[in-house]
Structure formats: structure tokens, C-alpha cells
Amino acid sequence: MPNKALRILIADEQHFHRMKVERLFNQLDYYRVAPAQDLEELLTLVEYGCEPFDLVVINAALASGALDLLGFFAITRKCITP
């Protein structure tokens, strides 16, 4: 049985894309969805959130080479997981 309490982060510069993906998750009864529109907002939500996100959906162009997203989340995951 799926866990409907998953925390989901959607990061994309295009408002339409964020809302479309969020609606798709809502149709599957996932409502704990946080949208981020730029890299700064994404980093703030990930680093200073009260609890970690279970799923992060990112448009890779958002970082535009300024950050290694895969490396960032691999390091962040290691810091959070016991």
C-alpha cells in the first residue's frame, strides 16, 4: 500500500510545469507537495526544512551547471540518514 504521507518537492522554473506535476501527484492522493521555482528556493527548502523530503522532482536545467544536483543530494542524504 502506498504511503500517502510522503513529502514531495517539485523544482522547475516554469510555473505551468510545477502545477502540472503537482496535480498529477494530487490525483494519486499525494498532497504534501512543495513547489520551488529556482535553485535558491530549492536549496533553502532542502537544507532548512524541518523534515527531509521523500521524493524530489527537479528539472535539471534549474541548476544550469551551478550545482551538481546528484552529488548534492547524495551528500545531503548521507547527512540526514542515521
PDB file of N, CA and C in Angstrom:
ATOM      1  N   MET A   1       0.840  -1.185   0.000  1.00  0.00           N
ATOM      2  CA  MET A   1       0.000   0.000   0.000  1.00  0.00           C
ATOM      3  C   MET A   1       0.887   1.252   0.000  1.00  0.00           C
ATOM      4  N   PRO A   2       0.641   2.192  -0.913  1.00  0.00           N
ATOM      5  CA  PRO A   2       1.447   3.404  -0.994  1.00  0.00           C
ATOM      6  C   PRO A   2       1.311   4.270   0.255  1.00  0.00           C
ATOM      7  N   ASN A   3       2.396   4.967   0.590  1.00  0.00           N
ATOM      8  CA  ASN A   3       2.405   5.864   1.738  1.00  0.00           C
ATOM      9  C   ASN A   3       1.986   7.255   1.272  1.00  0.00           C
ATOM     10  N   LYS A   4       0.788   7.674   1.596  1.00  0.00           N
ATOM     11  CA  LYS A   4       0.249   8.958   1.137  1.00  0.00           C
ATOM     12  C   LYS A   4       0.811  10.132   1.933  1.00  0.00           C
ATOM     13  N   ALA A   5       1.637   9.879   2.939  1.00  0.00           N
ATOM     14  CA  ALA A   5       2.219  10.942   3.747  1.00  0.00           C
ATOM     15  C   ALA A   5       3.609  11.347   3.256  1.00  0.00           C
ATOM     16  N   LEU A   6       4.008  10.871   2.088  1.00  0.00           N
ATOM     17  CA  LEU A   6       5.314  11.230   1.554  1.00  0.00           C
ATOM     18  C   LEU A   6       5.410  12.732   1.325  1.00  0.00           C
ATOM     19  N   ARG A   7       6.570  13.304   1.642  1.00  0.00           N
ATOM     20  CA  ARG A   7       6.837  14.717   1.361  1.00  0.00           C
ATOM     21  C   ARG A   7       7.524  14.791   0.004  1.00  0.00           C
ATOM     22  N   ILE A   8       6.957  15.593  -0.889  1.00  0.00           N
ATOM     23  CA  ILE A   8       7.438  15.678  -2.265  1.00  0.00           C
ATOM     24  C   ILE A   8       7.819  17.120  -2.579  1.00  0.00           C
ATOM     25  N   LEU A   9       8.978  17.294  -3.199  1.00  0.00           N
ATOM     26  CA  LEU A   9       9.434  18.611  -3.634  1.00  0.00           C
ATOM     27  C   LEU A   9       9.513  18.617  -5.155  1.00  0.00           C
ATOM     28  N   ILE A  10       8.894  19.619  -5.779  1.00  0.00           N
ATOM     29  CA  ILE A  10       8.927  19.776  -7.227  1.00  0.00           C
ATOM     30  C   ILE A  10       9.654  21.083  -7.534  1.00  0.00           C
ATOM     31  N   ALA A  11      10.733  20.999  -8.295  1.00  0.00           N
ATOM     32  CA  ALA A  11      11.509  22.197  -8.633  1.00  0.00           C
ATOM     33  C   ALA A  11      11.581  22.373 -10.142  1.00  0.00           C
ATOM     34  N   ASP A  12      11.031  23.482 -10.607  1.00  0.00           N
ATOM     35  CA  ASP A  12      11.055  23.818 -12.030  1.00  0.00           C
ATOM     36  C   ASP A  12      10.839  25.319 -12.151  1.00  0.00           C
ATOM     37  N   GLU A  13      11.511  25.948 -13.100  1.00  0.00           N
ATOM     38  CA  GLU A  13      11.351  27.389 -13.299  1.00  0.00           C
ATOM     39  C   GLU A  13       9.980  27.739 -13.860  1.00  0.00           C
ATOM     40  N   GLN A  14       9.397  26.839 -14.631  1.00  0.00           N
ATOM     41  CA  GLN A  14       8.110  27.097 -15.270  1.00  0.00           C
ATOM     42  C   GLN A  14       6.950  26.759 -14.328  1.00  0.00           C
ATOM     43  N   HIS A  15       6.168  27.779 -14.012  1.00  0.00           N
ATOM     44  CA  HIS A  15       5.028  27.601 -13.107  1.00  0.00           C
ATOM     45  C   HIS A  15       4.078  26.517 -13.632  1.00  0.00           C
ATOM     46  N   PHE A  16       3.818  26.525 -14.922  1.00  0.00           N
ATOM     47  CA  PHE A  16       2.910  25.547 -15.517  1.00  0.00           C
ATOM     48  C   PHE A  16       3.395  24.118 -15.272  1.00  0.00           C
ATOM     49  N   HIS A  17       4.695  23.881 -15.427  1.00  0.00           N
ATOM     50  CA  HIS A  17       5.240  22.535 -15.221  1.00  0.00           C
ATOM     51  C   HIS A  17       5.104  22.103 -13.761  1.00  0.00           C
ATOM     52  N   ARG A  18       5.397  23.017 -12.843  1.00  0.00           N
ATOM     53  CA  ARG A  18       5.258  22.687 -11.408  1.00  0.00           C
ATOM     54  C   ARG A  18       3.823  22.315 -11.078  1.00  0.00           C
ATOM     55  N   MET A  19       2.889  23.109 -11.563  1.00  0.00           N
ATOM     56  CA  MET A  19       1.480  22.862 -11.245  1.00  0.00           C
ATOM     57  C   MET A  19       0.980  21.580 -11.894  1.00  0.00           C
ATOM     58  N   LYS A  20       1.425  21.299 -13.109  1.00  0.00           N
ATOM     59  CA  LYS A  20       1.014  20.074 -13.807  1.00  0.00           C
ATOM     60  C   LYS A  20       1.484  18.836 -13.037  1.00  0.00           C
ATOM     61  N   VAL A  21       2.756  18.843 -12.616  1.00  0.00           N
ATOM     62  CA  VAL A  21       3.293  17.705 -11.865  1.00  0.00           C
ATOM     63  C   VAL A  21       2.594  17.586 -10.515  1.00  0.00           C
ATOM     64  N   GLU A  22       2.352  18.713  -9.856  1.00  0.00           N
ATOM     65  CA  GLU A  22       1.655  18.672  -8.569  1.00  0.00           C
ATOM     66  C   GLU A  22       0.248  18.102  -8.715  1.00  0.00           C
ATOM     67  N   ARG A  23      -0.459  18.502  -9.755  1.00  0.00           N
ATOM     68  CA  ARG A  23      -1.812  17.956  -9.991  1.00  0.00           C
ATOM     69  C   ARG A  23      -1.780  16.454 -10.231  1.00  0.00           C
ATOM     70  N   LEU A  24      -0.753  15.983 -10.932  1.00  0.00           N
ATOM     71  CA  LEU A  24      -0.626  14.539 -11.155  1.00  0.00           C
ATOM     72  C   LEU A  24      -0.453  13.800  -9.828  1.00  0.00           C
ATOM     73  N   PHE A  25       0.374  14.343  -8.946  1.00  0.00           N
ATOM     74  CA  PHE A  25       0.531  13.722  -7.627  1.00  0.00           C
ATOM     75  C   PHE A  25      -0.769  13.809  -6.826  1.00  0.00           C
ATOM     76  N   ASN A  26      -1.468  14.942  -6.919  1.00  0.00           N
ATOM     77  CA  ASN A  26      -2.737  15.096  -6.212  1.00  0.00           C
ATOM     78  C   ASN A  26      -3.765  14.071  -6.680  1.00  0.00           C
ATOM     79  N   GLN A  27      -3.781  13.769  -7.979  1.00  0.00           N
ATOM     80  CA  GLN A  27      -4.704  12.769  -8.498  1.00  0.00           C
ATOM     81  C   GLN A  27      -4.413  11.381  -7.929  1.00  0.00           C
ATOM     82  N   LEU A  28      -3.165  11.169  -7.491  1.00  0.00           N
ATOM     83  CA  LEU A  28      -2.780   9.904  -6.866  1.00  0.00           C
ATOM     84  C   LEU A  28      -2.895   9.971  -5.346  1.00  0.00           C
ATOM     85  N   ASP A  29      -3.547  11.033  -4.850  1.00  0.00           N
ATOM     86  CA  ASP A  29      -3.787  11.267  -3.419  1.00  0.00           C
ATOM     87  C   ASP A  29      -2.525  11.598  -2.627  1.00  0.00           C
ATOM     88  N   TYR A  30      -1.552  12.225  -3.273  1.00  0.00           N
ATOM     89  CA  TYR A  30      -0.377  12.761  -2.578  1.00  0.00           C
ATOM     90  C   TYR A  30      -0.560  14.267  -2.494  1.00  0.00           C
ATOM     91  N   TYR A  31      -0.660  14.791  -1.262  1.00  0.00           N
ATOM     92  CA  TYR A  31      -0.965  16.206  -1.084  1.00  0.00           C
ATOM     93  C   TYR A  31       0.126  16.981  -0.354  1.00  0.00           C
ATOM     94  N   ARG A  32       1.151  16.306   0.106  1.00  0.00           N
ATOM     95  CA  ARG A  32       2.244  17.004   0.797  1.00  0.00           C
ATOM     96  C   ARG A  32       3.325  17.361  -0.232  1.00  0.00           C
ATOM     97  N   VAL A  33       2.965  18.298  -1.118  1.00  0.00           N
ATOM     98  CA  VAL A  33       3.817  18.680  -2.234  1.00  0.00           C
ATOM     99  C   VAL A  33       4.245  20.135  -2.057  1.00  0.00           C
ATOM    100  N   ALA A  34       5.557  20.383  -2.170  1.00  0.00           N
ATOM    101  CA  ALA A  34       6.091  21.739  -2.074  1.00  0.00           C
ATOM    102  C   ALA A  34       6.722  22.119  -3.411  1.00  0.00           C
ATOM    103  N   PRO A  35       6.325  23.251  -3.988  1.00  0.00           N
ATOM    104  CA  PRO A  35       6.937  23.697  -5.236  1.00  0.00           C
ATOM    105  C   PRO A  35       8.095  24.663  -4.974  1.00  0.00           C
ATOM    106  N   ALA A  36       9.116  24.618  -5.829  1.00  0.00           N
ATOM    107  CA  ALA A  36      10.228  25.567  -5.780  1.00  0.00           C
ATOM    108  C   ALA A  36      10.467  26.076  -7.190  1.00  0.00           C
ATOM    109  N   GLN A  37      10.690  27.388  -7.319  1.00  0.00           N
ATOM    110  CA  GLN A  37      10.813  27.961  -8.657  1.00  0.00           C
ATOM    111  C   GLN A  37      12.242  28.264  -9.079  1.00  0.00           C
ATOM    112  N   ASP A  38      13.190  28.248  -8.138  1.00  0.00           N
ATOM    113  CA  ASP A  38      14.574  28.492  -8.520  1.00  0.00           C
ATOM    114  C   ASP A  38      15.516  27.724  -7.601  1.00  0.00           C
ATOM    115  N   LEU A  39      16.789  27.750  -7.934  1.00  0.00           N
ATOM    116  CA  LEU A  39      17.787  26.981  -7.196  1.00  0.00           C
ATOM    117  C   LEU A  39      17.890  27.440  -5.749  1.00  0.00           C
ATOM    118  N   GLU A  40      17.829  28.733  -5.516  1.00  0.00           N
ATOM    119  CA  GLU A  40      17.923  29.264  -4.150  1.00  0.00           C
ATOM    120  C   GLU A  40      16.779  28.743  -3.270  1.00  0.00           C
ATOM    121  N   GLU A  41      15.575  28.748  -3.804  1.00  0.00           N
ATOM    122  CA  GLU A  41      14.417  28.261  -3.063  1.00  0.00           C
ATOM    123  C   GLU A  41      14.531  26.752  -2.804  1.00  0.00           C
ATOM    124  N   LEU A  42      14.997  26.011  -3.790  1.00  0.00           N
ATOM    125  CA  LEU A  42      15.203  24.572  -3.647  1.00  0.00           C
ATOM    126  C   LEU A  42      16.185  24.286  -2.518  1.00  0.00           C
ATOM    127  N   LEU A  43      17.328  24.967  -2.530  1.00  0.00           N
ATOM    128  CA  LEU A  43      18.351  24.742  -1.506  1.00  0.00           C
ATOM    129  C   LEU A  43      17.844  25.125  -0.116  1.00  0.00           C
ATOM    130  N   THR A  44      17.091  26.200  -0.023  1.00  0.00           N
ATOM    131  CA  THR A  44      16.530  26.610   1.263  1.00  0.00           C
ATOM    132  C   THR A  44      15.583  25.558   1.813  1.00  0.00           C
ATOM    133  N   LEU A  45      14.695  25.048   0.968  1.00  0.00           N
ATOM    134  CA  LEU A  45      13.738  24.031   1.417  1.00  0.00           C
ATOM    135  C   LEU A  45      14.423  22.732   1.826  1.00  0.00           C
ATOM    136  N   VAL A  46      15.452  22.337   1.096  1.00  0.00           N
ATOM    137  CA  VAL A  46      16.149  21.086   1.398  1.00  0.00           C
ATOM    138  C   VAL A  46      17.005  21.225   2.650  1.00  0.00           C
ATOM    139  N   GLU A  47      17.752  22.325   2.751  1.00  0.00           N
ATOM    140  CA  GLU A  47      18.692  22.476   3.863  1.00  0.00           C
ATOM    141  C   GLU A  47      18.035  22.860   5.172  1.00  0.00           C
ATOM    142  N   TYR A  48      16.974  23.661   5.131  1.00  0.00           N
ATOM    143  CA  TYR A  48      16.399  24.177   6.367  1.00  0.00           C
ATOM    144  C   TYR A  48      15.006  23.645   6.670  1.00  0.00           C
ATOM    145  N   GLY A  49      14.542  22.673   5.920  1.00  0.00           N
ATOM    146  CA  GLY A  49      13.234  22.084   6.187  1.00  0.00           C
ATOM    147  C   GLY A  49      13.242  21.321   7.507  1.00  0.00           C
ATOM    148  N   CYS A  50      12.092  21.264   8.157  1.00  0.00           N
ATOM    149  CA  CYS A  50      12.019  20.599   9.459  1.00  0.00           C
ATOM    150  C   CYS A  50      12.137  19.080   9.340  1.00  0.00           C
ATOM    151  N   GLU A  51      11.754  18.531   8.217  1.00  0.00           N
ATOM    152  CA  GLU A  51      11.931  17.105   7.970  1.00  0.00           C
ATOM    153  C   GLU A  51      12.299  16.903   6.502  1.00  0.00           C
ATOM    154  N   PRO A  52      13.057  15.859   6.198  1.00  0.00           N
ATOM    155  CA  PRO A  52      13.531  15.681   4.821  1.00  0.00           C
ATOM    156  C   PRO A  52      12.402  15.306   3.857  1.00  0.00           C
ATOM    157  N   PHE A  53      12.644  15.603   2.581  1.00  0.00           N
ATOM    158  CA  PHE A  53      11.695  15.208   1.539  1.00  0.00           C
ATOM    159  C   PHE A  53      11.932  13.746   1.183  1.00  0.00           C
ATOM    160  N   ASP A  54      10.847  13.048   0.886  1.00  0.00           N
ATOM    161  CA  ASP A  54      10.935  11.644   0.488  1.00  0.00           C
ATOM    162  C   ASP A  54      11.211  11.508  -1.008  1.00  0.00           C
ATOM    163  N   LEU A  55      10.743  12.488  -1.770  1.00  0.00           N
ATOM    164  CA  LEU A  55      10.907  12.463  -3.224  1.00  0.00           C
ATOM    165  C   LEU A  55      11.166  13.878  -3.704  1.00  0.00           C
ATOM    166  N   VAL A  56      12.163  14.029  -4.576  1.00  0.00           N
ATOM    167  CA  VAL A  56      12.475  15.334  -5.154  1.00  0.00           C
ATOM    168  C   VAL A  56      12.434  15.191  -6.668  1.00  0.00           C
ATOM    169  N   VAL A  57      11.596  16.006  -7.311  1.00  0.00           N
ATOM    170  CA  VAL A  57      11.473  16.012  -8.766  1.00  0.00           C
ATOM    171  C   VAL A  57      12.027  17.353  -9.240  1.00  0.00           C
ATOM    172  N   ILE A  58      13.137  17.307 -10.002  1.00  0.00           N
ATOM    173  CA  ILE A  58      13.821  18.539 -10.392  1.00  0.00           C
ATOM    174  C   ILE A  58      14.023  18.584 -11.902  1.00  0.00           C
ATOM    175  N   ASN A  59      13.768  19.729 -12.475  1.00  0.00           N
ATOM    176  CA  ASN A  59      14.182  19.996 -13.843  1.00  0.00           C
ATOM    177  C   ASN A  59      15.677  20.289 -13.751  1.00  0.00           C
ATOM    178  N   ALA A  60      16.511  19.440 -14.307  1.00  0.00           N
ATOM    179  CA  ALA A  60      17.966  19.552 -14.165  1.00  0.00           C
ATOM    180  C   ALA A  60      18.498  20.876 -14.701  1.00  0.00           C
ATOM    181  N   ALA A  61      17.804  21.501 -15.629  1.00  0.00           N
ATOM    182  CA  ALA A  61      18.234  22.787 -16.155  1.00  0.00           C
ATOM    183  C   ALA A  61      18.162  23.885 -15.099  1.00  0.00           C
ATOM    184  N   LEU A  62      17.454  23.630 -14.025  1.00  0.00           N
ATOM    185  CA  LEU A  62      17.310  24.608 -12.947  1.00  0.00           C
ATOM    186  C   LEU A  62      18.671  24.983 -12.363  1.00  0.00           C
ATOM    187  N   ALA A  63      19.547  24.023 -12.203  1.00  0.00           N
ATOM    188  CA  ALA A  63      20.874  24.288 -11.648  1.00  0.00           C
ATOM    189  C   ALA A  63      21.796  24.905 -12.688  1.00  0.00           C
ATOM    190  N   SER A  64      21.533  24.692 -13.937  1.00  0.00           N
ATOM    191  CA  SER A  64      22.302  25.212 -15.083  1.00  0.00           C
ATOM    192  C   SER A  64      23.814  25.176 -14.851  1.00  0.00           C
ATOM    193  N   GLY A  65      24.284  24.047 -14.349  1.00  0.00           N
ATOM    194  CA  GLY A  65      25.717  23.847 -14.157  1.00  0.00           C
ATOM    195  C   GLY A  65      26.286  24.480 -12.905  1.00  0.00           C
ATOM    196  N   ALA A  66      25.481  25.224 -12.151  1.00  0.00           N
ATOM    197  CA  ALA A  66      25.964  25.895 -10.949  1.00  0.00           C
ATOM    198  C   ALA A  66      26.117  24.927  -9.783  1.00  0.00           C
ATOM    199  N   LEU A  67      25.480  23.771  -9.883  1.00  0.00           N
ATOM    200  CA  LEU A  67      25.490  22.807  -8.782  1.00  0.00           C
ATOM    201  C   LEU A  67      25.360  21.404  -9.354  1.00  0.00           C
ATOM    202  N   ASP A  68      26.126  20.479  -8.803  1.00  0.00           N
ATOM    203  CA  ASP A  68      25.997  19.067  -9.157  1.00  0.00           C
ATOM    204  C   ASP A  68      24.844  18.507  -8.329  1.00  0.00           C
ATOM    205  N   LEU A  69      23.649  18.453  -8.912  1.00  0.00           N
ATOM    206  CA  LEU A  69      22.458  18.049  -8.164  1.00  0.00           C
ATOM    207  C   LEU A  69      22.574  16.646  -7.599  1.00  0.00           C
ATOM    208  N   LEU A  70      23.041  15.711  -8.389  1.00  0.00           N
ATOM    209  CA  LEU A  70      23.169  14.330  -7.927  1.00  0.00           C
ATOM    210  C   LEU A  70      24.127  14.246  -6.742  1.00  0.00           C
ATOM    211  N   GLY A  71      25.255  14.912  -6.844  1.00  0.00           N
ATOM    212  CA  GLY A  71      26.220  14.923  -5.753  1.00  0.00           C
ATOM    213  C   GLY A  71      25.670  15.608  -4.514  1.00  0.00           C
ATOM    214  N   PHE A  72      24.940  16.711  -4.703  1.00  0.00           N
ATOM    215  CA  PHE A  72      24.363  17.438  -3.581  1.00  0.00           C
ATOM    216  C   PHE A  72      23.387  16.569  -2.796  1.00  0.00           C
ATOM    217  N   PHE A  73      22.496  15.885  -3.514  1.00  0.00           N
ATOM    218  CA  PHE A  73      21.511  15.061  -2.821  1.00  0.00           C
ATOM    219  C   PHE A  73      22.122  13.795  -2.243  1.00  0.00           C
ATOM    220  N   ALA A  74      23.179  13.283  -2.833  1.00  0.00           N
ATOM    221  CA  ALA A  74      23.861  12.121  -2.255  1.00  0.00           C
ATOM    222  C   ALA A  74      24.503  12.506  -0.925  1.00  0.00           C
ATOM    223  N   ILE A  75      25.126  13.674  -0.866  1.00  0.00           N
ATOM    224  CA  ILE A  75      25.735  14.149   0.380  1.00  0.00           C
ATOM    225  C   ILE A  75      24.665  14.490   1.401  1.00  0.00           C
ATOM    226  N   THR A  76      23.605  15.172   0.979  1.00  0.00           N
ATOM    227  CA  THR A  76      22.525  15.552   1.884  1.00  0.00           C
ATOM    228  C   THR A  76      21.878  14.316   2.485  1.00  0.00           C
ATOM    229  N   ARG A  77      21.666  13.291   1.678  1.00  0.00           N
ATOM    230  CA  ARG A  77      21.032  12.058   2.162  1.00  0.00           C
ATOM    231  C   ARG A  77      21.893  11.403   3.218  1.00  0.00           C
ATOM    232  N   LYS A  78      23.206  11.366   3.023  1.00  0.00           N
ATOM    233  CA  LYS A  78      24.098  10.764   3.995  1.00  0.00           C
ATOM    234  C   LYS A  78      24.075  11.520   5.313  1.00  0.00           C
ATOM    235  N   CYS A  79      23.913  12.847   5.245  1.00  0.00           N
ATOM    236  CA  CYS A  79      23.887  13.643   6.472  1.00  0.00           C
ATOM    237  C   CYS A  79      22.604  13.426   7.254  1.00  0.00           C
ATOM    238  N   ILE A  80      21.513  13.144   6.556  1.00  0.00           N
ATOM    239  CA  ILE A  80      20.211  13.009   7.205  1.00  0.00           C
ATOM    240  C   ILE A  80      19.984  11.575   7.723  1.00  0.00           C
ATOM    241  N   THR A  81      20.379  10.588   6.958  1.00  0.00           N
ATOM    242  CA  THR A  81      20.085   9.211   7.327  1.00  0.00           C
ATOM    243  C   THR A  81      20.981   8.751   8.476  1.00  0.00           C
ATOM    244  N   PRO A  82      20.394   8.069   9.448  1.00  0.00           N
ATOM    245  CA  PRO A  82      21.207   7.589  10.579  1.00  0.00           C
ATOM    246  C   PRO A  82      22.137   6.468  10.177  1.00  0.00           C
TER     247      PRO A  82
END
